[in-house]
């Protein structure tokens, strides 16, 4: 399947809007049949990159290749790609069948060939019996399937998705993203998907590229980005929103987090450290990032062996479902912690963190957002 699918290679792509650089020498590759998600917040450049790939935005520098062939100068209609827009961009005066077959009609396909292909798409997308219906009479999830069917009907080499699920409610969105992934895998089509939703990228993609300020700051498999973020920015974006500043020193076996006014000491083995801590010399401040679900609460006087304990007090409690979520005041800051047990507001607790729950970086590389300092 991969041999028949088309690879994609973006090399040092640059895009300027006037004097403002939107894409800053971005490079990425997608193997044939691979699903790549471009993940980032608004304004990071992910949609511009997608539109550059399909030819709607010209490059100021760099190149784009599909299947080993340079397509940088080709117009959009010569790239054999299909784009599904966030708004779906369906023709409201047309039926479902007419919308799905529209691209084939523009290409001059015979009426019988169009009808046959449309019927294939209706069956594939579970829209049987809806071909004669106007798209304005469909639900959001059905409209999304029609837009996807129109894109796939022309048999593109590469499928581009520009946040096509953002207009759906949560339940339908969860259902449709699994449908798209199953369909993409079955067709073996190379796909690039723009999203700002971390969970959506994790569920759908084989590779995730996280963008910030027009650059790819890390790209890899979902589990790599989740377990081994290479920077405070990526750690925070991948859900490790709690951050505390700690003192640490190098040891023969790794580093040791030193005891502070609100935390216990803890040795961290060298194999658990990321590359940024290789520069740790003597006693320095580091920043530990962690997810609320990776922490736990324990009595303030419980044993601390094998875990970092942050001493604090419960300031707020809520129940989002499945567990309780607590805002724990540690010093002058608050951290979010999930725990299965119910605790009263005002209870003195220890926030327990295993070494594997911690993403550690030098204090000089910390992200400014969500930063807490224990001092």
Protein backbone atom coordinates (compact mmCIF):
# COMPACT_ATOMS: atom_id res chain seq x y z
CA UNK A 1 0.00 0.00 0.00
CA UNK A 2 2.80 2.43 0.91
CA UNK A 3 4.58 1.81 -2.42
CA UNK A 4 1.48 2.94 -4.32
CA UNK A 5 0.86 5.99 -2.14
CA UNK A 6 2.47 9.37 -2.74
CA UNK A 7 5.09 10.77 -0.40
CA UNK A 8 5.29 14.46 0.49
CA UNK A 9 8.43 16.47 1.22
CA UNK A 10 8.53 20.13 2.26
CA UNK A 11 12.06 21.57 2.32
CA UNK A 12 12.90 24.86 4.08
CA UNK A 13 9.60 26.47 3.03
CA UNK A 14 9.35 30.22 3.59
CA UNK A 15 6.27 32.39 3.20
CA UNK A 16 6.09 36.15 3.65
CA UNK A 17 3.02 38.35 3.83
CA UNK A 18 4.58 41.68 2.95
CA UNK A 19 7.60 42.02 5.21
CA UNK A 20 6.20 39.58 7.81
CA UNK A 21 7.59 36.08 7.72
CA UNK A 22 4.81 33.53 8.30
CA UNK A 23 6.73 30.31 7.62
CA UNK A 24 10.36 30.19 8.72
CA UNK A 25 12.26 27.53 6.70
CA UNK A 26 9.92 24.68 7.56
CA UNK A 27 10.87 21.15 6.54
CA UNK A 28 8.78 18.00 6.96
CA UNK A 29 8.24 14.69 5.23
CA UNK A 30 5.29 12.32 5.03
CA UNK A 31 5.81 8.80 3.78
CA UNK A 32 3.32 7.39 1.32
CA UNK A 33 0.06 6.60 3.12
CA UNK A 34 1.08 8.41 6.29
CA UNK A 35 -1.26 10.67 8.30
CA UNK A 36 0.51 13.84 9.51
CA UNK A 37 -1.13 16.36 11.83
CA UNK A 38 -0.02 20.00 11.96
CA UNK A 39 -0.75 21.05 15.54
CA UNK A 40 -0.52 24.50 17.02
CA UNK A 41 -2.37 27.51 18.35
CA UNK A 42 -3.92 30.23 16.19
CA UNK A 43 -1.38 32.21 14.18
CA UNK A 44 1.41 29.61 14.36
CA UNK A 45 1.45 29.08 10.56
CA UNK A 46 -0.16 25.65 10.27
CA UNK A 47 -2.95 26.69 7.87
CA UNK A 48 -0.51 28.74 5.77
CA UNK A 49 1.69 25.64 5.48
CA UNK A 50 -1.29 23.55 4.36
CA UNK A 51 -2.28 26.13 1.75
CA UNK A 52 1.31 26.33 0.54
CA UNK A 53 1.34 22.56 0.07
CA UNK A 54 -1.76 22.67 -2.13
CA UNK A 55 -0.56 25.75 -4.05
CA UNK A 56 -2.91 28.46 -2.79
CA UNK A 57 -0.02 30.30 -1.11
CA UNK A 58 3.24 30.76 -3.08
CA UNK A 59 6.57 30.05 -1.42
CA UNK A 60 9.12 32.82 -0.98
CA UNK A 61 11.81 30.18 -0.59
CA UNK A 62 12.23 26.43 -0.33
CA UNK A 63 10.47 23.66 -2.22
CA UNK A 64 7.64 21.11 -2.12
CA UNK A 65 7.78 17.67 -3.71
CA UNK A 66 5.10 15.00 -4.13
CA UNK A 67 6.14 11.49 -5.03
CA UNK A 68 9.67 12.73 -5.59
CA UNK A 69 8.57 15.32 -8.17
CA UNK A 70 9.04 19.06 -7.53
CA UNK A 71 5.61 20.73 -7.55
CA UNK A 72 6.67 24.09 -6.09
CA UNK A 73 5.73 26.07 -9.21
CA UNK A 74 2.66 24.07 -10.20
CA UNK A 75 -0.79 25.69 -9.85
CA UNK A 76 -3.26 24.06 -7.41
CA UNK A 77 -5.22 22.24 -10.12
CA UNK A 78 -2.06 20.47 -11.36
CA UNK A 79 -0.94 19.06 -8.00
CA UNK A 80 -3.50 16.24 -7.75
CA UNK A 81 -4.40 17.16 -4.19
CA UNK A 82 -7.77 17.72 -2.55
CA UNK A 83 -8.51 20.11 0.30
CA UNK A 84 -11.41 19.80 2.76
CA UNK A 85 -12.15 23.24 4.17
CA UNK A 86 -13.13 24.08 7.73
CA UNK A 87 -16.42 25.52 6.46
CA UNK A 88 -16.92 22.52 4.08
CA UNK A 89 -17.58 25.03 1.21
CA UNK A 90 -20.46 22.97 -0.17
CA UNK A 91 -22.79 24.35 -2.85
CA UNK A 92 -26.12 24.97 -1.02
CA UNK A 93 -28.22 24.87 -4.21
CA UNK A 94 -26.87 21.42 -5.17
CA UNK A 95 -27.80 17.96 -4.00
CA UNK A 96 -25.44 15.67 -2.13
CA UNK A 97 -24.68 13.75 -5.34
CA UNK A 98 -24.04 16.93 -7.32
CA UNK A 99 -21.65 18.24 -4.68
CA UNK A 100 -19.69 14.99 -4.52
CA UNK A 101 -19.45 14.77 -8.32
CA UNK A 102 -18.63 18.44 -8.88
CA UNK A 103 -14.86 17.99 -9.18
CA UNK A 104 -15.30 15.15 -11.66
CA UNK A 105 -17.67 17.30 -13.73
CA UNK A 106 -15.07 20.07 -13.89
CA UNK A 107 -12.55 17.51 -15.15
CA UNK A 108 -14.85 16.52 -17.97
CA UNK A 109 -15.70 13.02 -16.76
CA UNK A 110 -18.56 11.20 -18.44
CA UNK A 111 -21.94 11.33 -16.75
CA UNK A 112 -22.05 7.56 -16.21
CA UNK A 113 -18.55 7.60 -14.67
CA UNK A 114 -19.54 10.43 -12.34
CA UNK A 115 -22.70 8.61 -11.23
CA UNK A 116 -20.74 5.43 -10.55
CA UNK A 117 -18.07 7.24 -8.54
CA UNK A 118 -20.65 9.21 -6.57
CA UNK A 119 -22.43 5.99 -5.64
CA UNK A 120 -19.10 4.55 -4.43
CA UNK A 121 -18.55 7.61 -2.24
CA UNK A 122 -22.08 7.49 -0.81
CA UNK A 123 -21.58 3.87 0.18
CA UNK A 124 -18.10 4.44 1.57
CA UNK A 125 -19.25 7.40 3.68
CA UNK A 126 -22.51 5.82 4.89
CA UNK A 127 -24.64 8.32 2.99
CA UNK A 128 -26.71 5.82 1.03
CA UNK A 129 -30.12 7.15 0.09
CA UNK A 130 -29.12 10.80 0.58
CA UNK A 131 -27.81 11.53 -2.92
CA UNK A 132 -30.90 13.50 -3.98
CA UNK A 133 -31.11 15.53 -0.77
CA UNK A 134 -29.96 19.15 -0.59
CA UNK A 135 -26.91 19.62 1.62
CA UNK A 136 -28.77 22.32 3.57
CA UNK A 137 -31.03 19.55 4.88
CA UNK A 138 -28.15 17.53 6.36
CA UNK A 139 -26.66 17.44 9.84
CA UNK A 140 -23.18 18.80 10.49
CA UNK A 141 -21.65 15.34 10.51
CA UNK A 142 -23.32 14.45 7.22
CA UNK A 143 -22.12 17.68 5.59
CA UNK A 144 -18.61 16.87 6.70
CA UNK A 145 -18.88 13.47 5.00
CA UNK A 146 -20.13 15.10 1.80
CA UNK A 147 -17.15 17.47 1.78
CA UNK A 148 -14.83 14.52 2.31
CA UNK A 149 -16.58 12.58 -0.46
CA UNK A 150 -16.17 15.46 -2.90
CA UNK A 151 -12.44 15.56 -2.10
CA UNK A 152 -11.95 11.80 -2.47
CA UNK A 153 -14.09 11.44 -5.59
CA UNK A 154 -11.32 12.86 -7.80
CA UNK A 155 -8.83 10.24 -6.46
CA UNK A 156 -6.21 12.71 -5.19
CA UNK A 157 -2.67 11.61 -4.40
CA UNK A 158 -2.66 13.69 -1.21
CA UNK A 159 -5.60 14.67 1.02
CA UNK A 160 -5.42 17.96 2.94
CA UNK A 161 -7.76 18.64 5.87
CA UNK A 162 -8.11 22.18 7.25
CA UNK A 163 -9.74 21.73 10.69
CA UNK A 164 -12.79 20.01 9.14
CA UNK A 165 -14.14 18.85 12.52
CA UNK A 166 -14.09 22.16 14.38
CA UNK A 167 -17.72 22.99 13.54
CA UNK A 168 -19.07 19.72 14.96
CA UNK A 169 -20.26 19.17 18.51
CA UNK A 170 -18.06 17.07 20.78
CA UNK A 171 -19.91 13.77 20.41
CA UNK A 172 -20.11 13.91 16.61
CA UNK A 173 -16.54 15.15 16.34
CA UNK A 174 -15.26 12.14 18.26
CA UNK A 175 -17.21 9.76 16.02
CA UNK A 176 -16.19 11.39 12.74
CA UNK A 177 -12.47 11.59 13.50
CA UNK A 178 -12.36 7.83 13.97
CA UNK A 179 -14.27 7.42 10.70
CA UNK A 180 -11.78 9.62 8.84
CA UNK A 181 -8.81 7.73 10.25
CA UNK A 182 -10.33 4.36 9.34
CA UNK A 183 -11.12 5.60 5.83
CA UNK A 184 -7.66 7.11 5.35
CA UNK A 185 -5.95 3.93 6.49
CA UNK A 186 -8.14 1.79 4.26
CA UNK A 187 -7.45 3.95 1.20
CA UNK A 188 -3.75 4.31 2.02
CA UNK A 189 -3.83 7.98 1.03
CA UNK A 190 -1.20 10.41 2.30
CA UNK A 191 -2.97 12.96 4.51
CA UNK A 192 -2.02 16.26 6.14
CA UNK A 193 -4.44 17.49 8.78
CA UNK A 194 -4.45 20.93 10.44
CA UNK A 195 -5.83 21.12 13.98
CA UNK A 196 -5.46 23.02 17.24
CA UNK A 197 -6.91 20.07 19.18
CA UNK A 198 -4.20 17.96 20.85
CA UNK A 199 -6.46 14.97 21.45
CA UNK A 200 -7.63 15.01 17.84
CA UNK A 201 -4.03 14.95 16.60
CA UNK A 202 -3.10 12.16 19.02
CA UNK A 203 -6.02 9.97 17.93
CA UNK A 204 -5.72 10.47 14.18
CA UNK A 205 -2.09 11.03 13.26
CA UNK A 206 0.88 8.76 12.64
CA UNK A 207 3.18 11.79 13.00
CA UNK A 208 2.53 15.15 14.67
CA UNK A 209 4.35 18.37 13.84
CA UNK A 210 3.95 21.07 16.51
CA UNK A 211 4.31 24.59 15.13
CA UNK A 212 5.11 27.82 16.90
CA UNK A 213 5.80 31.21 15.30
CA UNK A 214 6.16 29.72 11.84
CA UNK A 215 8.53 26.93 12.82
CA UNK A 216 8.22 23.22 13.60
CA UNK A 217 9.45 22.94 17.18
CA UNK A 218 9.10 19.14 17.37
CA UNK A 219 7.88 16.39 15.07
CA UNK A 220 7.42 12.73 15.87
CA UNK A 221 5.00 9.96 16.72
CA UNK A 222 2.22 10.91 19.18
CA UNK A 223 3.75 8.87 22.01
CA UNK A 224 7.16 10.48 21.46
CA UNK A 225 5.80 14.01 21.77
CA UNK A 226 3.64 13.06 24.74
CA UNK A 227 6.33 11.18 26.68
CA UNK A 228 9.45 13.07 25.57
CA UNK A 229 8.65 16.71 24.76
CA UNK A 230 11.87 18.48 23.79
CA UNK A 231 11.03 21.88 25.30
CA UNK A 232 8.83 23.57 27.89
CA UNK A 233 6.62 24.85 25.07
CA UNK A 234 5.95 21.35 23.74
CA UNK A 235 5.49 19.93 27.24
CA UNK A 236 2.88 22.56 28.04
CA UNK A 237 1.16 22.15 24.66
CA UNK A 238 0.98 18.39 25.18
CA UNK A 239 -0.93 18.82 28.42
CA UNK A 240 1.80 19.22 31.04
CA UNK A 241 0.45 22.59 32.12
CA UNK A 242 1.66 22.49 35.73
CA UNK A 243 5.13 23.94 36.18
CA UNK A 244 7.25 24.39 39.29
CA UNK A 245 10.73 25.81 39.75
CA UNK A 246 13.10 23.66 41.79
CA UNK A 247 16.77 23.60 42.74
CA UNK A 248 18.91 20.71 41.47
CA UNK A 249 22.52 19.61 41.30
CA UNK A 250 24.41 17.12 39.16
CA UNK A 251 25.40 13.74 40.61
CA UNK A 252 27.42 10.82 39.30
CA UNK A 253 24.19 8.99 38.35
CA UNK A 254 22.15 11.93 37.02
CA UNK A 255 20.80 14.84 39.05
CA UNK A 256 19.29 15.37 42.47
CA UNK A 257 16.35 17.67 43.10
CA UNK A 258 17.23 19.46 46.33
CA UNK A 259 14.82 19.90 49.20
CA UNK A 260 13.11 23.27 49.30
CA UNK A 261 10.56 25.04 51.47
CA UNK A 262 7.68 23.32 49.63
CA UNK A 263 9.25 20.17 48.17
CA UNK A 264 11.18 17.08 49.18
CA UNK A 265 14.44 15.92 47.61
CA UNK A 266 14.53 13.31 44.83
CA UNK A 267 17.32 11.70 42.76
CA UNK A 268 16.66 11.44 38.99
CA UNK A 269 18.61 8.86 36.98
CA UNK A 270 20.52 10.03 33.92
CA UNK A 271 18.42 7.93 31.52
CA UNK A 272 15.29 9.79 32.61
CA UNK A 273 16.73 13.19 31.69
CA UNK A 274 16.30 15.07 28.43
CA UNK A 275 19.11 16.73 26.52
CA UNK A 276 18.59 20.21 27.92
CA UNK A 277 19.79 19.08 31.35
CA UNK A 278 23.17 17.98 29.98
CA UNK A 279 24.24 21.58 30.59
CA UNK A 280 23.40 21.43 34.29
CA UNK A 281 26.51 22.40 36.23
CA UNK A 282 26.70 22.66 40.01
CA UNK A 283 23.53 23.87 41.69
CA UNK A 284 21.01 25.41 39.32
CA UNK A 285 17.32 26.11 39.05
CA UNK A 286 15.30 23.78 36.86
CA UNK A 287 11.62 23.71 35.93
CA UNK A 288 9.50 20.58 36.28
CA UNK A 289 6.38 20.25 34.11
CA UNK A 290 3.71 17.64 34.78
CA UNK A 291 0.12 16.71 33.91
CA UNK A 292 -2.68 16.81 36.44
CA UNK A 293 -3.51 13.14 35.78
CA UNK A 294 0.10 12.07 36.44
CA UNK A 295 0.09 13.47 39.98
CA UNK A 296 -1.63 12.15 43.08
CA UNK A 297 -2.55 13.35 46.55
CA UNK A 298 -1.31 11.78 49.77
CA UNK A 299 -1.29 12.71 53.45
CA UNK A 300 1.17 15.45 54.21
CA UNK A 301 3.17 13.18 56.55
CA UNK A 302 3.21 10.05 54.30
CA UNK A 303 6.44 8.37 53.20
CA UNK A 304 8.20 10.23 50.38
CA UNK A 305 10.45 7.42 49.11
CA UNK A 306 10.73 7.28 45.31
CA UNK A 307 8.59 10.36 44.64
CA UNK A 308 8.83 14.13 44.64
CA UNK A 309 6.38 15.59 47.15
CA UNK A 310 5.10 19.15 46.87
CA UNK A 311 3.56 20.32 50.15
CA UNK A 312 0.39 22.37 49.87
CA UNK A 313 -3.28 22.83 50.69
CA UNK A 314 -6.44 22.13 48.66
CA UNK A 315 -7.89 25.45 47.52
CA UNK A 316 -10.64 24.25 45.22
CA UNK A 317 -12.33 20.98 44.23
CA UNK A 318 -14.45 19.91 41.25
CA UNK A 319 -15.68 16.69 39.70
CA UNK A 320 -15.29 16.62 35.87
CA UNK A 321 -16.11 12.89 35.82
CA UNK A 322 -14.11 9.78 36.66
CA UNK A 323 -12.01 11.53 39.29
CA UNK A 324 -11.86 14.69 41.37
CA UNK A 325 -9.82 17.65 40.16
CA UNK A 326 -8.16 19.78 42.80
CA UNK A 327 -6.47 23.14 42.71
CA UNK A 328 -3.69 22.77 45.26
CA UNK A 329 -2.07 25.89 46.64
CA UNK A 330 1.68 25.37 46.96
CA UNK A 331 3.34 28.47 48.31
CA UNK A 332 1.77 31.38 46.42
CA UNK A 333 0.84 29.27 43.38
CA UNK A 334 -1.82 26.75 42.41
CA UNK A 335 -1.39 23.39 40.65
CA UNK A 336 -4.07 21.15 39.19
CA UNK A 337 -4.10 17.54 40.42
CA UNK A 338 -6.49 14.66 39.66
CA UNK A 339 -7.28 12.14 42.39
CA UNK A 340 -9.86 9.40 42.85
CA UNK A 341 -10.48 10.23 46.52
CA UNK A 342 -12.64 13.04 47.78
CA UNK A 343 -10.85 15.62 49.93
CA UNK A 344 -12.17 18.71 51.66
CA UNK A 345 -11.09 22.21 50.70
CA UNK A 346 -8.48 23.39 53.19
CA UNK A 347 -6.90 19.93 53.69
CA UNK A 348 -3.10 19.91 53.90
CA UNK A 349 -1.82 17.45 51.28
CA UNK A 350 1.29 16.30 49.51
CA UNK A 351 1.29 16.31 45.70
CA UNK A 352 3.08 13.10 44.78
CA UNK A 353 5.04 12.90 41.52
CA UNK A 354 7.03 9.90 40.30
CA UNK A 355 10.20 10.60 38.27
CA UNK A 356 8.43 9.41 35.10
CA UNK A 357 5.75 12.09 35.56
CA UNK A 358 8.29 14.92 35.45
CA UNK A 359 9.49 16.75 32.35
CA UNK A 360 12.56 18.65 33.48
CA UNK A 361 14.28 21.61 31.82
CA UNK A 362 16.84 24.24 32.76
CA UNK A 363 15.17 27.28 34.30
CA UNK A 364 16.56 29.47 31.50
CA UNK A 365 14.50 27.55 28.90
CA UNK A 366 11.17 27.75 30.75
CA UNK A 367 7.97 28.77 29.01
CA UNK A 368 6.44 31.98 30.25
CA UNK A 369 2.87 30.70 30.23
CA UNK A 370 1.65 28.73 33.23
CA UNK A 371 4.89 29.21 35.14
CA UNK A 372 4.93 28.66 38.90
CA UNK A 373 7.93 29.32 41.11
CA UNK A 374 8.39 27.63 44.46
CA UNK A 375 10.48 29.95 46.57
